[in-house]
Amino acid sequence: MKRVATWVLAATLAAAASCSDAGPVAGVLTLSLTTPNAGADGAILFSVTSPQPLASVTAGPGLRVFFQPSSTVTRCAVTGPLTNGTVVTIGVADVRQVAQYVATIQSVAASADFQLRALTGYSLTVSK
């Protein structure tokens, strides 16, 4: 009888463990810009490399985004007064894979004359 009780307890614990949060958790990640010219930049072109296609791309406040999705690389252009902080949010299949999402800046243009800037001091960070 003791073996049966032990077996039932083990089966119950195994079933409980299999009901854990093992599946993907869909949600939104934030791409934040660091710029040495806050307020003086007017456009940025970047790509997002991801393990799966992005579900959505939404511009940050006061900005406009244009994007070209593909299977694992999405090219984005954001226009408007760029400052330090959120540039876009992206809808993803699993927010727990945040480390697998990489944003790479291709170019940045000044807002006054749209001259391309050197990329020194610019960075994009992907976070939950």
C-alpha atoms as a PDB file:
ATOM      1  CA  MET A   1       0.000   0.000   0.000  1.00  0.00           C
ATOM      2  CA  LYS A   2       2.888   2.333   0.802  1.00  0.00           C
ATOM      3  CA  ARG A   3       4.357   1.764  -2.680  1.00  0.00           C
ATOM      4  CA  VAL A   4       1.047   2.636  -4.297  1.00  0.00           C
ATOM      5  CA  ALA A   5       0.811   5.863  -2.302  1.00  0.00           C
ATOM      6  CA  THR A   6       4.383   6.747  -3.263  1.00  0.00           C
ATOM      7  CA  TRP A   7       3.642   6.027  -6.921  1.00  0.00           C
ATOM      8  CA  VAL A   8       0.451   8.147  -6.828  1.00  0.00           C
ATOM      9  CA  LEU A   9       2.374  11.016  -5.194  1.00  0.00           C
ATOM     10  CA  ALA A  10       5.136  10.789  -7.809  1.00  0.00           C
ATOM     11  CA  ALA A  11       2.600  10.746 -10.661  1.00  0.00           C
ATOM     12  CA  THR A  12       0.797  13.755  -9.192  1.00  0.00           C
ATOM     13  CA  LEU A  13       4.039  15.724  -8.877  1.00  0.00           C
ATOM     14  CA  ALA A  14       5.050  14.816 -12.438  1.00  0.00           C
ATOM     15  CA  ALA A  15       1.678  15.958 -13.755  1.00  0.00           C
ATOM     16  CA  ALA A  16       1.939  19.218 -11.828  1.00  0.00           C
ATOM     17  CA  ALA A  17       5.430  19.825 -13.197  1.00  0.00           C
ATOM     18  CA  SER A  18       4.247  19.261 -16.764  1.00  0.00           C
ATOM     19  CA  CYS A  19       1.617  21.986 -16.306  1.00  0.00           C
ATOM     20  CA  SER A  20       4.288  24.621 -15.648  1.00  0.00           C
ATOM     21  CA  ASP A  21       4.959  27.637 -17.861  1.00  0.00           C
ATOM     22  CA  ALA A  22       7.026  25.649 -20.366  1.00  0.00           C
ATOM     23  CA  GLY A  23       5.317  27.099 -23.447  1.00  0.00           C
ATOM     24  CA  PRO A  24       6.038  30.394 -25.182  1.00  0.00           C
ATOM     25  CA  VAL A  25       4.823  33.641 -23.618  1.00  0.00           C
ATOM     26  CA  ALA A  26       3.737  36.090 -26.318  1.00  0.00           C
ATOM     27  CA  GLY A  27       4.146  39.773 -25.563  1.00  0.00           C
ATOM     28  CA  VAL A  28       5.893  43.022 -26.373  1.00  0.00           C
ATOM     29  CA  LEU A  29       9.574  43.973 -26.267  1.00  0.00           C
ATOM     30  CA  THR A  30      10.892  47.546 -26.265  1.00  0.00           C
ATOM     31  CA  LEU A  31      13.665  48.884 -28.482  1.00  0.00           C
ATOM     32  CA  SER A  32      15.315  51.854 -26.767  1.00  0.00           C
ATOM     33  CA  LEU A  33      17.661  54.291 -28.468  1.00  0.00           C
ATOM     34  CA  THR A  34      20.708  55.937 -26.943  1.00  0.00           C
ATOM     35  CA  THR A  35      21.754  58.970 -28.987  1.00  0.00           C
ATOM     36  CA  PRO A  36      24.440  61.598 -28.476  1.00  0.00           C
ATOM     37  CA  ASN A  37      22.187  64.086 -30.343  1.00  0.00           C
ATOM     38  CA  ALA A  38      18.877  63.808 -28.489  1.00  0.00           C
ATOM     39  CA  GLY A  39      16.231  65.946 -30.187  1.00  0.00           C
ATOM     40  CA  ALA A  40      18.473  66.766 -33.168  1.00  0.00           C
ATOM     41  CA  ASP A  41      18.038  63.433 -34.990  1.00  0.00           C
ATOM     42  CA  GLY A  42      15.110  63.070 -37.369  1.00  0.00           C
ATOM     43  CA  ALA A  43      15.332  59.535 -38.767  1.00  0.00           C
ATOM     44  CA  ILE A  44      16.906  56.160 -38.038  1.00  0.00           C
ATOM     45  CA  LEU A  45      17.182  53.027 -40.157  1.00  0.00           C
ATOM     46  CA  PHE A  46      17.774  49.738 -38.343  1.00  0.00           C
ATOM     47  CA  SER A  47      17.107  46.033 -38.575  1.00  0.00           C
ATOM     48  CA  VAL A  48      15.807  43.578 -35.996  1.00  0.00           C
ATOM     49  CA  THR A  49      17.041  40.003 -36.204  1.00  0.00           C
ATOM     50  CA  SER A  50      14.697  37.575 -34.491  1.00  0.00           C
ATOM     51  CA  PRO A  51      14.165  33.826 -34.110  1.00  0.00           C
ATOM     52  CA  GLN A  52      10.637  34.160 -35.587  1.00  0.00           C
ATOM     53  CA  PRO A  53       8.805  36.804 -37.618  1.00  0.00           C
ATOM     54  CA  LEU A  54       7.674  39.811 -35.567  1.00  0.00           C
ATOM     55  CA  ALA A  55       3.952  39.938 -34.809  1.00  0.00           C
ATOM     56  CA  SER A  56       3.873  43.754 -34.835  1.00  0.00           C
ATOM     57  CA  VAL A  57       5.989  46.909 -34.876  1.00  0.00           C
ATOM     58  CA  THR A  58       4.616  50.051 -33.186  1.00  0.00           C
ATOM     59  CA  ALA A  59       6.268  53.482 -33.115  1.00  0.00           C
ATOM     60  CA  GLY A  60       7.097  55.219 -29.871  1.00  0.00           C
ATOM     61  CA  PRO A  61       5.250  58.400 -28.868  1.00  0.00           C
ATOM     62  CA  GLY A  62       5.544  61.191 -31.476  1.00  0.00           C
ATOM     63  CA  LEU A  63       7.305  58.919 -33.978  1.00  0.00           C
ATOM     64  CA  ARG A  64       6.322  57.174 -37.198  1.00  0.00           C
ATOM     65  CA  VAL A  65       7.576  53.728 -38.241  1.00  0.00           C
ATOM     66  CA  PHE A  66       7.821  52.072 -41.635  1.00  0.00           C
ATOM     67  CA  PHE A  67       8.909  48.447 -41.700  1.00  0.00           C
ATOM     68  CA  GLN A  68       9.567  45.579 -44.055  1.00  0.00           C
ATOM     69  CA  PRO A  69       9.017  42.240 -42.336  1.00  0.00           C
ATOM     70  CA  SER A  70      10.580  38.961 -43.365  1.00  0.00           C
ATOM     71  CA  SER A  71      11.110  35.613 -41.719  1.00  0.00           C
ATOM     72  CA  THR A  72      13.945  36.546 -39.346  1.00  0.00           C
ATOM     73  CA  VAL A  73      15.073  40.085 -40.259  1.00  0.00           C
ATOM     74  CA  THR A  74      12.785  43.112 -40.152  1.00  0.00           C
ATOM     75  CA  ARG A  75      14.044  46.421 -41.540  1.00  0.00           C
ATOM     76  CA  CYS A  76      12.614  49.528 -39.849  1.00  0.00           C
ATOM     77  CA  ALA A  77      12.735  53.247 -40.562  1.00  0.00           C
ATOM     78  CA  VAL A  78      11.568  55.576 -37.803  1.00  0.00           C
ATOM     79  CA  THR A  79      11.019  59.289 -38.378  1.00  0.00           C
ATOM     80  CA  GLY A  80      10.325  62.130 -35.990  1.00  0.00           C
ATOM     81  CA  PRO A  81      12.203  63.841 -33.168  1.00  0.00           C
ATOM     82  CA  LEU A  82      14.437  61.061 -31.849  1.00  0.00           C
ATOM     83  CA  THR A  83      15.442  61.234 -28.200  1.00  0.00           C
ATOM     84  CA  ASN A  84      16.892  58.775 -25.714  1.00  0.00           C
ATOM     85  CA  GLY A  85      14.249  56.156 -24.959  1.00  0.00           C
ATOM     86  CA  THR A  86      11.667  54.006 -26.713  1.00  0.00           C
ATOM     87  CA  VAL A  87      11.791  54.070 -30.512  1.00  0.00           C
ATOM     88  CA  VAL A  88       9.484  51.109 -31.206  1.00  0.00           C
ATOM     89  CA  THR A  89       7.831  48.204 -29.474  1.00  0.00           C
ATOM     90  CA  ILE A  90       7.712  44.828 -31.169  1.00  0.00           C
ATOM     91  CA  GLY A  91       5.219  42.020 -30.727  1.00  0.00           C
ATOM     92  CA  VAL A  92       6.975  38.681 -30.317  1.00  0.00           C
ATOM     93  CA  ALA A  93       6.014  35.035 -29.903  1.00  0.00           C
ATOM     94  CA  ASP A  94       8.035  34.551 -26.692  1.00  0.00           C
ATOM     95  CA  VAL A  95       9.285  37.429 -24.530  1.00  0.00           C
ATOM     96  CA  ARG A  96      11.478  35.002 -22.583  1.00  0.00           C
ATOM     97  CA  GLN A  97      13.733  34.805 -25.666  1.00  0.00           C
ATOM     98  CA  VAL A  98      14.608  38.518 -25.408  1.00  0.00           C
ATOM     99  CA  ALA A  99      18.330  37.761 -25.769  1.00  0.00           C
ATOM    100  CA  GLN A 100      17.688  36.329 -29.255  1.00  0.00           C
ATOM    101  CA  TYR A 101      16.380  39.672 -30.564  1.00  0.00           C
ATOM    102  CA  VAL A 102      19.143  41.931 -31.877  1.00  0.00           C
ATOM    103  CA  ALA A 103      18.688  45.460 -33.228  1.00  0.00           C
ATOM    104  CA  THR A 104      21.382  46.843 -35.544  1.00  0.00           C
ATOM    105  CA  ILE A 105      21.541  50.500 -36.608  1.00  0.00           C
ATOM    106  CA  GLN A 106      22.287  51.106 -40.295  1.00  0.00           C
ATOM    107  CA  SER A 107      22.034  54.904 -40.395  1.00  0.00           C
ATOM    108  CA  VAL A 108      20.845  58.013 -38.566  1.00  0.00           C
ATOM    109  CA  ALA A 109      19.964  61.358 -40.134  1.00  0.00           C
ATOM    110  CA  ALA A 110      19.889  64.831 -38.608  1.00  0.00           C
ATOM    111  CA  SER A 111      16.465  66.456 -38.404  1.00  0.00           C
ATOM    112  CA  ALA A 112      17.588  69.859 -39.744  1.00  0.00           C
ATOM    113  CA  ASP A 113      19.186  68.810 -43.047  1.00  0.00           C
ATOM    114  CA  PHE A 114      18.909  64.988 -43.104  1.00  0.00           C
ATOM    115  CA  GLN A 115      22.695  64.659 -43.292  1.00  0.00           C
ATOM    116  CA  LEU A 116      23.816  61.171 -42.276  1.00  0.00           C
ATOM    117  CA  ARG A 117      25.564  61.053 -38.925  1.00  0.00           C
ATOM    118  CA  ALA A 118      28.495  58.960 -37.773  1.00  0.00           C
ATOM    119  CA  LEU A 119      27.122  56.073 -35.682  1.00  0.00           C
ATOM    120  CA  THR A 120      29.551  56.597 -32.799  1.00  0.00           C
ATOM    121  CA  GLY A 121      27.596  56.937 -29.553  1.00  0.00           C
ATOM    122  CA  TYR A 122      24.368  55.413 -30.932  1.00  0.00           C
ATOM    123  CA  SER A 123      22.922  52.141 -29.703  1.00  0.00           C
ATOM    124  CA  LEU A 124      19.654  50.231 -29.633  1.00  0.00           C
ATOM    125  CA  THR A 125      18.727  48.003 -26.699  1.00  0.00           C
ATOM    126  CA  VAL A 126      16.046  45.309 -26.728  1.00  0.00           C
ATOM    127  CA  SER A 127      14.308  44.728 -23.371  1.00  0.00           C
ATOM    128  CA  LYS A 128      11.110  43.424 -21.790  1.00  0.00           C
END
